[in-house]
Protein backbone atom coordinates (compact mmCIF):
# COMPACT_ATOMS: atom_id res chain seq x y z
CA MET A 1 -0.01 -0.09 0.05
CA PHE A 2 2.77 2.38 0.99
CA GLY A 3 5.07 1.30 -1.84
CA ILE A 4 4.47 4.43 -3.79
CA PHE A 5 6.39 6.28 -0.88
CA LYS A 6 9.60 4.22 -1.07
CA LYS A 7 12.75 6.04 -2.01
CA LYS A 8 14.11 5.19 -5.31
CA VAL A 9 17.66 6.11 -6.22
CA ASP A 10 18.07 7.48 -9.63
CA LEU A 11 20.77 5.54 -11.64
CA THR A 12 20.86 7.35 -14.95
CA ASP A 13 23.77 9.42 -13.64
CA LEU A 14 25.93 7.40 -11.41
CA SER A 15 28.38 10.29 -10.75
CA LYS A 16 25.48 11.80 -8.75
CA ILE A 17 25.01 8.93 -6.09
CA THR A 18 25.29 10.39 -2.62
CA ASP A 19 25.53 9.01 0.85
CA LYS A 20 21.87 9.12 1.13
CA ASP A 21 21.63 7.11 -1.90
CA LEU A 22 24.05 4.53 -0.62
CA LYS A 23 21.86 4.06 2.57
CA ILE A 24 18.89 3.23 0.28
CA LEU A 25 20.89 0.93 -2.02
CA GLN A 26 22.22 -0.96 0.78
CA LYS A 27 18.85 -1.70 1.87
CA THR A 28 17.26 -2.48 -1.63
CA LYS A 29 19.97 -4.19 -3.48
CA SER A 30 21.77 -7.60 -3.01
CA GLY A 31 25.39 -7.53 -2.01
CA ASN A 32 26.98 -8.15 -5.42
CA GLU A 33 24.50 -5.45 -7.10
CA PHE A 34 25.22 -3.00 -4.54
CA GLY A 35 28.96 -3.52 -4.92
CA ARG A 36 28.73 -3.28 -8.79
CA ILE A 37 26.75 -0.05 -8.78
CA ILE A 38 28.98 1.67 -6.01
CA ARG A 39 32.00 0.72 -8.08
CA GLU A 40 30.52 2.06 -11.21
CA ALA A 41 29.54 5.12 -9.53
CA ALA A 42 32.86 5.84 -8.02
CA PHE A 43 34.51 5.37 -11.44
CA ALA A 44 31.73 7.75 -12.89
CA GLY A 45 33.00 10.44 -10.35
CA SER A 46 30.56 10.07 -7.25
CA VAL A 47 33.01 11.34 -4.49
CA ASP A 48 30.73 9.53 -2.01
CA CYS A 49 31.07 6.18 -3.67
CA GLN A 50 34.73 6.61 -3.82
CA THR A 51 35.07 7.40 -0.03
CA PHE A 52 32.62 4.66 0.95
CA ILE A 53 34.88 1.96 -0.98
CA SER A 54 37.95 3.79 0.35
CA MET A 55 36.77 3.42 3.87
CA ALA A 56 35.62 -0.22 3.73
CA SER A 57 38.81 -1.16 1.89
CA LEU A 58 40.80 0.81 4.90
CA LEU A 59 38.89 -1.38 7.43
CA HIS A 60 39.82 -4.54 5.40
CA LEU A 61 43.54 -3.60 5.51
CA ASP A 62 43.43 -2.69 9.21
CA SER A 63 42.03 -6.17 9.85
CA TYR A 64 45.39 -7.88 8.84
CA GLU A 65 48.30 -7.81 11.09
CA ASN A 66 51.90 -7.02 10.14
CA LYS A 67 50.66 -5.51 6.75
CA ASP A 68 50.26 -9.16 5.63
CA TYR A 69 47.29 -8.38 3.45
CA PRO A 70 46.51 -9.23 -0.28
CA GLN A 71 47.89 -7.10 -2.91
CA GLU A 72 44.11 -6.62 -4.28
CA VAL A 73 43.17 -5.06 -1.00
CA GLU A 74 45.87 -2.70 -1.20
CA GLU A 75 45.10 -1.87 -5.01
CA THR A 76 41.47 -1.37 -4.20
CA PHE A 77 42.30 1.09 -1.31
CA THR A 78 44.90 2.98 -2.98
CA THR A 79 42.66 3.29 -6.34
CA PHE A 80 39.52 4.46 -4.66
CA THR A 81 41.24 6.64 -2.14
CA THR A 82 43.28 8.34 -4.78
CA MET A 83 40.25 9.01 -6.56
CA ALA A 84 38.46 10.73 -3.49
CA ALA A 85 41.77 12.43 -2.78
CA GLU A 86 41.99 13.83 -6.14
CA ASN A 87 38.53 15.19 -5.77
CA ASN A 88 39.70 17.11 -2.61
CA ASP A 89 38.23 14.70 0.02
CA ILE A 90 40.45 15.90 2.94
CA GLY A 91 40.06 12.51 4.95
CA SER A 92 40.92 10.55 1.86
CA GLN A 93 44.08 12.73 1.36
CA PHE A 94 44.98 12.38 5.09
CA ASN A 95 44.47 8.51 4.93
CA LEU A 96 46.26 8.01 1.91
CA ALA A 97 49.35 10.21 3.39
CA LYS A 98 49.20 7.88 6.50
CA PHE A 99 48.98 4.65 4.47
CA TYR A 100 52.19 5.69 2.29
CA LEU A 101 54.03 6.94 5.66
CA ASN A 102 53.07 3.51 7.11
CA LYS A 103 54.70 1.64 4.28
CA VAL A 104 58.15 3.18 5.21
CA ASP A 105 60.32 0.53 6.95
CA LEU A 106 62.61 1.93 9.44
CA SER A 107 63.03 -1.39 11.47
CA ASP A 108 66.71 -1.49 10.67
CA GLY A 109 67.22 2.28 11.54
CA LYS A 110 68.07 2.93 7.79
CA LEU A 111 65.95 4.66 5.11
CA HIS A 112 65.99 2.45 2.04
CA GLN A 113 65.82 3.49 -1.69
CA SER A 114 62.43 1.76 -1.79
CA ASP A 115 61.11 3.95 0.97
CA HIS A 116 61.72 7.21 -0.70
CA LYS A 117 58.61 7.04 -3.07
CA TYR A 118 56.43 6.31 -0.25
CA LEU A 119 57.87 9.28 1.66
CA LYS A 120 57.41 11.71 -1.33
CA GLN A 121 53.81 10.07 -1.71
CA ALA A 122 53.09 10.72 2.10
CA GLU A 123 54.57 14.20 1.95
CA PHE A 124 52.33 15.19 -1.18
CA TRP A 125 49.12 14.05 0.45
CA TYR A 126 49.64 15.44 3.75
CA GLY A 127 50.52 18.66 1.97
CA LYS A 128 47.19 18.56 0.01
CA ALA A 129 45.16 17.99 2.98
CA ALA A 130 46.92 20.66 4.85
CA GLN A 131 46.29 22.97 2.16
CA ASN A 132 42.77 22.31 2.33
CA GLY A 133 42.86 22.97 6.10
CA ASP A 134 43.45 19.66 7.95
CA LEU A 135 45.23 20.38 11.20
CA ASN A 136 46.38 16.73 11.60
CA SER A 137 48.08 16.89 8.26
CA GLN A 138 49.85 20.08 9.47
CA LYS A 139 50.99 18.50 12.25
CA ALA A 140 52.20 15.34 10.30
CA LEU A 141 54.16 17.67 7.88
CA GLU A 142 55.95 19.45 10.98
CA ASP A 143 56.64 16.17 12.86
CA CYS A 144 57.89 14.20 9.73
CA GLU A 145 59.90 17.13 8.10
CA GLU A 146 63.41 15.68 8.84
CA LEU A 147 62.14 12.23 7.62
CA PHE A 148 60.80 13.76 4.24
CA ARG A 149 64.17 15.85 3.86
CA MET A 150 65.81 12.44 3.86
CA ALA A 151 63.75 11.20 0.88
CA VAL A 152 65.06 13.90 -1.41
């Protein structure tokens, strides 16, 4: 009887999918269909879908100990977080910077050549987030300044 009042999500322009639409889709679509739609929407430019996938994959990454996660999980995180970061999502910029900084291995007290690219990426994304007003990123830049200079 009240079916006419059900909220529907307009799927004609996936780039316009919002957080509100995501909540409706989660309730009305199967898991696989929901996943397909939000991935397509993220690639179409929906920042809300990009950040949704980014956060889900970050939680997935964090569930592994000692960074022993499948390459596919890392690729999903970096792909969708980079998309959102490039669309000026400050949280994604911060998370991407932190991810790259955490990839640096100083366990032997040395900065290895392979770590330079991670430090440069971390500095770049902390810088973007700081430019957008993120205080945590501004502090991270200050705290890591000496480490970042080593990567030059």
